[in-house]
Amino acid sequence: MFGPWWQLGVDATLLAFESQAVIGLRLTKLAAGGTAAQAEAQRMVSEKIFAASEAAMQIATGASTGAVVAGYRRKVRANHRRLTRG
C-alpha cells in the first residue's frame, strides 16, 4: 500500500543528499577560478535548463513523479562521478 510512496520519499531524500554533495564539489571548483571554473559554470547552467525541460516533457507524456526523480538522481550521480575523478 505505501510501497510506491515510500520509495518516492526515499528517492527524493537521497536526491537531496546527493545534490548537496555535488553543489559542494561545484562550489569548490568555482572558488578555484580559472577556465575550469568558467566551463563548469556554463555546463551547470545548460544542464539545469536541459534537465528541467526533460522533466517537463516526461510529466507531459505521463511519466510518474518517481521516474522524474530517478532521472534527476542519475544525472546527479553522473556529475558526482565526473567531479570526483579529477
N, C-alpha and C. Protein backbone atom coordinates (compact mmCIF):
# COMPACT_ATOMS: atom_id res chain seq x y z
N MET A 1 0.81 -1.19 0.00
CA MET A 1 0.00 0.00 0.00
C MET A 1 0.86 1.27 0.00
N PHE A 2 1.85 1.33 0.87
CA PHE A 2 2.70 2.51 0.94
C PHE A 2 3.98 2.36 0.11
N GLY A 3 4.16 1.24 -0.56
CA GLY A 3 5.40 0.96 -1.29
C GLY A 3 5.84 2.06 -2.23
N PRO A 4 5.01 2.45 -3.21
CA PRO A 4 5.45 3.49 -4.15
C PRO A 4 5.71 4.84 -3.48
N TRP A 5 4.89 5.21 -2.52
CA TRP A 5 5.09 6.48 -1.82
C TRP A 5 6.36 6.43 -0.98
N TRP A 6 6.58 5.30 -0.34
CA TRP A 6 7.79 5.15 0.47
C TRP A 6 9.02 5.27 -0.42
N GLN A 7 9.00 4.59 -1.56
CA GLN A 7 10.14 4.64 -2.48
C GLN A 7 10.37 6.05 -3.00
N LEU A 8 9.29 6.76 -3.32
CA LEU A 8 9.42 8.15 -3.78
C LEU A 8 10.06 9.00 -2.68
N GLY A 9 9.64 8.81 -1.44
CA GLY A 9 10.22 9.56 -0.33
C GLY A 9 11.69 9.28 -0.15
N VAL A 10 12.06 8.01 -0.24
CA VAL A 10 13.46 7.62 -0.11
C VAL A 10 14.28 8.21 -1.25
N ASP A 11 13.77 8.09 -2.48
CA ASP A 11 14.49 8.62 -3.64
C ASP A 11 14.64 10.14 -3.56
N ALA A 12 13.60 10.84 -3.13
CA ALA A 12 13.68 12.29 -3.01
C ALA A 12 14.68 12.70 -1.94
N THR A 13 14.71 11.96 -0.84
CA THR A 13 15.67 12.25 0.23
C THR A 13 17.09 12.01 -0.24
N LEU A 14 17.31 10.90 -0.91
CA LEU A 14 18.65 10.61 -1.45
C LEU A 14 19.06 11.65 -2.48
N LEU A 15 18.11 12.08 -3.31
CA LEU A 15 18.41 13.13 -4.29
C LEU A 15 18.87 14.40 -3.59
N ALA A 16 18.23 14.75 -2.49
CA ALA A 16 18.61 15.94 -1.74
C ALA A 16 20.05 15.82 -1.22
N PHE A 17 20.39 14.69 -0.62
CA PHE A 17 21.74 14.50 -0.10
C PHE A 17 22.78 14.48 -1.22
N GLU A 18 22.47 13.75 -2.29
CA GLU A 18 23.41 13.66 -3.41
C GLU A 18 23.61 15.02 -4.07
N SER A 19 22.54 15.78 -4.18
CA SER A 19 22.63 17.11 -4.78
C SER A 19 23.52 18.03 -3.95
N GLN A 20 23.39 17.94 -2.64
CA GLN A 20 24.23 18.77 -1.77
C GLN A 20 25.71 18.44 -1.95
N ALA A 21 26.02 17.18 -2.13
CA ALA A 21 27.41 16.79 -2.36
C ALA A 21 27.93 17.39 -3.66
N VAL A 22 27.12 17.34 -4.71
CA VAL A 22 27.52 17.90 -6.00
C VAL A 22 27.65 19.42 -5.91
N ILE A 23 26.75 20.06 -5.19
CA ILE A 23 26.84 21.51 -5.02
C ILE A 23 28.15 21.87 -4.33
N GLY A 24 28.52 21.12 -3.31
CA GLY A 24 29.79 21.37 -2.63
C GLY A 24 30.98 21.20 -3.55
N LEU A 25 30.97 20.16 -4.36
CA LEU A 25 32.07 19.94 -5.30
C LEU A 25 32.13 21.06 -6.33
N ARG A 26 30.97 21.48 -6.80
CA ARG A 26 30.95 22.56 -7.80
C ARG A 26 31.40 23.88 -7.20
N LEU A 27 30.99 24.17 -5.97
CA LEU A 27 31.41 25.41 -5.34
C LEU A 27 32.92 25.44 -5.15
N THR A 28 33.50 24.30 -4.81
CA THR A 28 34.94 24.21 -4.67
C THR A 28 35.63 24.51 -5.99
N LYS A 29 35.09 23.94 -7.05
CA LYS A 29 35.67 24.16 -8.38
C LYS A 29 35.51 25.62 -8.81
N LEU A 30 34.34 26.19 -8.54
CA LEU A 30 34.10 27.59 -8.90
C LEU A 30 34.99 28.53 -8.10
N ALA A 31 35.21 28.21 -6.83
CA ALA A 31 36.05 29.06 -5.98
C ALA A 31 37.50 29.07 -6.44
N ALA A 32 37.93 27.99 -7.07
CA ALA A 32 39.31 27.92 -7.56
C ALA A 32 39.53 28.86 -8.74
N GLY A 33 38.46 29.19 -9.46
CA GLY A 33 38.56 30.12 -10.57
C GLY A 33 39.22 29.51 -11.79
N GLY A 34 39.48 30.35 -12.75
CA GLY A 34 40.15 29.92 -13.96
C GLY A 34 39.19 29.41 -15.03
N THR A 35 39.78 28.85 -16.06
CA THR A 35 38.97 28.39 -17.19
C THR A 35 38.12 27.17 -16.82
N ALA A 36 38.63 26.33 -15.90
CA ALA A 36 37.84 25.17 -15.47
C ALA A 36 36.58 25.62 -14.74
N ALA A 37 36.69 26.67 -13.95
CA ALA A 37 35.53 27.19 -13.23
C ALA A 37 34.52 27.79 -14.21
N GLN A 38 35.01 28.50 -15.20
CA GLN A 38 34.11 29.09 -16.21
C GLN A 38 33.38 27.99 -16.98
N ALA A 39 34.10 26.96 -17.36
CA ALA A 39 33.48 25.85 -18.08
C ALA A 39 32.45 25.14 -17.21
N GLU A 40 32.75 24.96 -15.93
CA GLU A 40 31.81 24.30 -15.01
C GLU A 40 30.55 25.14 -14.84
N ALA A 41 30.71 26.45 -14.73
CA ALA A 41 29.55 27.34 -14.57
C ALA A 41 28.65 27.26 -15.80
N GLN A 42 29.23 27.28 -16.97
CA GLN A 42 28.44 27.19 -18.20
C GLN A 42 27.77 25.83 -18.31
N ARG A 43 28.51 24.78 -17.97
CA ARG A 43 27.94 23.43 -18.02
C ARG A 43 26.78 23.29 -17.04
N MET A 44 26.96 23.83 -15.84
CA MET A 44 25.94 23.73 -14.79
C MET A 44 24.63 24.37 -15.26
N VAL A 45 24.71 25.55 -15.84
CA VAL A 45 23.50 26.25 -16.28
C VAL A 45 22.83 25.50 -17.42
N SER A 46 23.60 25.07 -18.39
CA SER A 46 23.00 24.36 -19.53
C SER A 46 22.39 23.02 -19.09
N GLU A 47 23.05 22.32 -18.15
CA GLU A 47 22.50 21.06 -17.64
C GLU A 47 21.17 21.28 -16.94
N LYS A 48 21.08 22.35 -16.15
CA LYS A 48 19.84 22.63 -15.41
C LYS A 48 18.70 22.94 -16.36
N ILE A 49 18.96 23.72 -17.40
CA ILE A 49 17.93 24.04 -18.38
C ILE A 49 17.46 22.77 -19.09
N PHE A 50 18.41 21.95 -19.51
CA PHE A 50 18.06 20.70 -20.20
C PHE A 50 17.29 19.75 -19.28
N ALA A 51 17.75 19.60 -18.03
CA ALA A 51 17.09 18.69 -17.09
C ALA A 51 15.66 19.14 -16.79
N ALA A 52 15.45 20.43 -16.64
CA ALA A 52 14.10 20.94 -16.37
C ALA A 52 13.18 20.72 -17.55
N SER A 53 13.67 20.96 -18.76
CA SER A 53 12.82 20.73 -19.94
C SER A 53 12.55 19.25 -20.14
N GLU A 54 13.54 18.42 -19.84
CA GLU A 54 13.35 16.97 -19.96
C GLU A 54 12.31 16.48 -18.94
N ALA A 55 12.38 16.99 -17.71
CA ALA A 55 11.40 16.61 -16.69
C ALA A 55 10.00 17.06 -17.09
N ALA A 56 9.88 18.27 -17.63
CA ALA A 56 8.58 18.77 -18.08
C ALA A 56 8.01 17.88 -19.18
N MET A 57 8.87 17.45 -20.08
CA MET A 57 8.42 16.58 -21.16
C MET A 57 7.98 15.22 -20.61
N GLN A 58 8.72 14.70 -19.64
CA GLN A 58 8.34 13.41 -19.04
C GLN A 58 6.97 13.52 -18.37
N ILE A 59 6.75 14.58 -17.62
CA ILE A 59 5.46 14.76 -16.95
C ILE A 59 4.36 14.93 -17.98
N ALA A 60 4.64 15.70 -19.04
CA ALA A 60 3.62 15.94 -20.08
C ALA A 60 3.24 14.66 -20.80
N THR A 61 4.16 13.73 -20.90
CA THR A 61 3.88 12.47 -21.60
C THR A 61 3.41 11.36 -20.66
N GLY A 62 3.18 11.72 -19.39
CA GLY A 62 2.58 10.76 -18.48
C GLY A 62 3.53 9.98 -17.60
N ALA A 63 4.77 10.39 -17.51
CA ALA A 63 5.72 9.69 -16.64
C ALA A 63 5.34 9.94 -15.18
N SER A 64 5.69 9.02 -14.33
CA SER A 64 5.41 9.17 -12.91
C SER A 64 6.42 10.12 -12.27
N THR A 65 6.05 10.65 -11.14
CA THR A 65 6.96 11.51 -10.39
C THR A 65 8.21 10.73 -10.01
N GLY A 66 8.04 9.47 -9.68
CA GLY A 66 9.18 8.63 -9.33
C GLY A 66 10.18 8.51 -10.46
N ALA A 67 9.67 8.43 -11.70
CA ALA A 67 10.56 8.35 -12.85
C ALA A 67 11.34 9.64 -13.04
N VAL A 68 10.70 10.76 -12.77
CA VAL A 68 11.38 12.05 -12.90
C VAL A 68 12.48 12.17 -11.84
N VAL A 69 12.16 11.80 -10.61
CA VAL A 69 13.16 11.85 -9.52
C VAL A 69 14.32 10.90 -9.84
N ALA A 70 14.01 9.72 -10.35
CA ALA A 70 15.06 8.75 -10.70
C ALA A 70 15.96 9.32 -11.80
N GLY A 71 15.38 10.03 -12.76
CA GLY A 71 16.17 10.66 -13.81
C GLY A 71 17.11 11.72 -13.27
N TYR A 72 16.60 12.55 -12.37
CA TYR A 72 17.45 13.55 -11.72
C TYR A 72 18.57 12.88 -10.94
N ARG A 73 18.26 11.80 -10.23
CA ARG A 73 19.29 11.11 -9.45
C ARG A 73 20.40 10.57 -10.34
N ARG A 74 20.04 10.02 -11.51
CA ARG A 74 21.06 9.53 -12.45
C ARG A 74 21.99 10.66 -12.86
N LYS A 75 21.42 11.81 -13.18
CA LYS A 75 22.22 12.94 -13.61
C LYS A 75 23.13 13.45 -12.48
N VAL A 76 22.60 13.51 -11.28
CA VAL A 76 23.38 13.98 -10.13
C VAL A 76 24.53 13.02 -9.85
N ARG A 77 24.25 11.72 -9.90
CA ARG A 77 25.32 10.73 -9.66
C ARG A 77 26.41 10.84 -10.73
N ALA A 78 26.00 11.07 -11.99
CA ALA A 78 26.98 11.22 -13.06
C ALA A 78 27.85 12.46 -12.82
N ASN A 79 27.24 13.54 -12.37
CA ASN A 79 28.03 14.74 -12.06
C ASN A 79 28.98 14.48 -10.90
N HIS A 80 28.52 13.76 -9.90
CA HIS A 80 29.38 13.44 -8.75
C HIS A 80 30.59 12.64 -9.21
N ARG A 81 30.36 11.64 -10.03
CA ARG A 81 31.48 10.83 -10.55
C ARG A 81 32.45 11.70 -11.34
N ARG A 82 31.93 12.56 -12.20
CA ARG A 82 32.76 13.41 -13.02
C ARG A 82 33.59 14.39 -12.17
N LEU A 83 32.96 14.97 -11.17
CA LEU A 83 33.65 15.98 -10.35
C LEU A 83 34.64 15.37 -9.37
N THR A 84 34.49 14.12 -9.01
CA THR A 84 35.43 13.49 -8.08
C THR A 84 36.57 12.77 -8.79
N ARG A 85 36.47 12.60 -10.09
CA ARG A 85 37.53 11.94 -10.84
C ARG A 85 38.79 12.78 -10.91
N GLY A 86 38.66 14.05 -11.10
CA GLY A 86 39.88 14.81 -11.27
C GLY A 86 39.67 16.19 -10.95
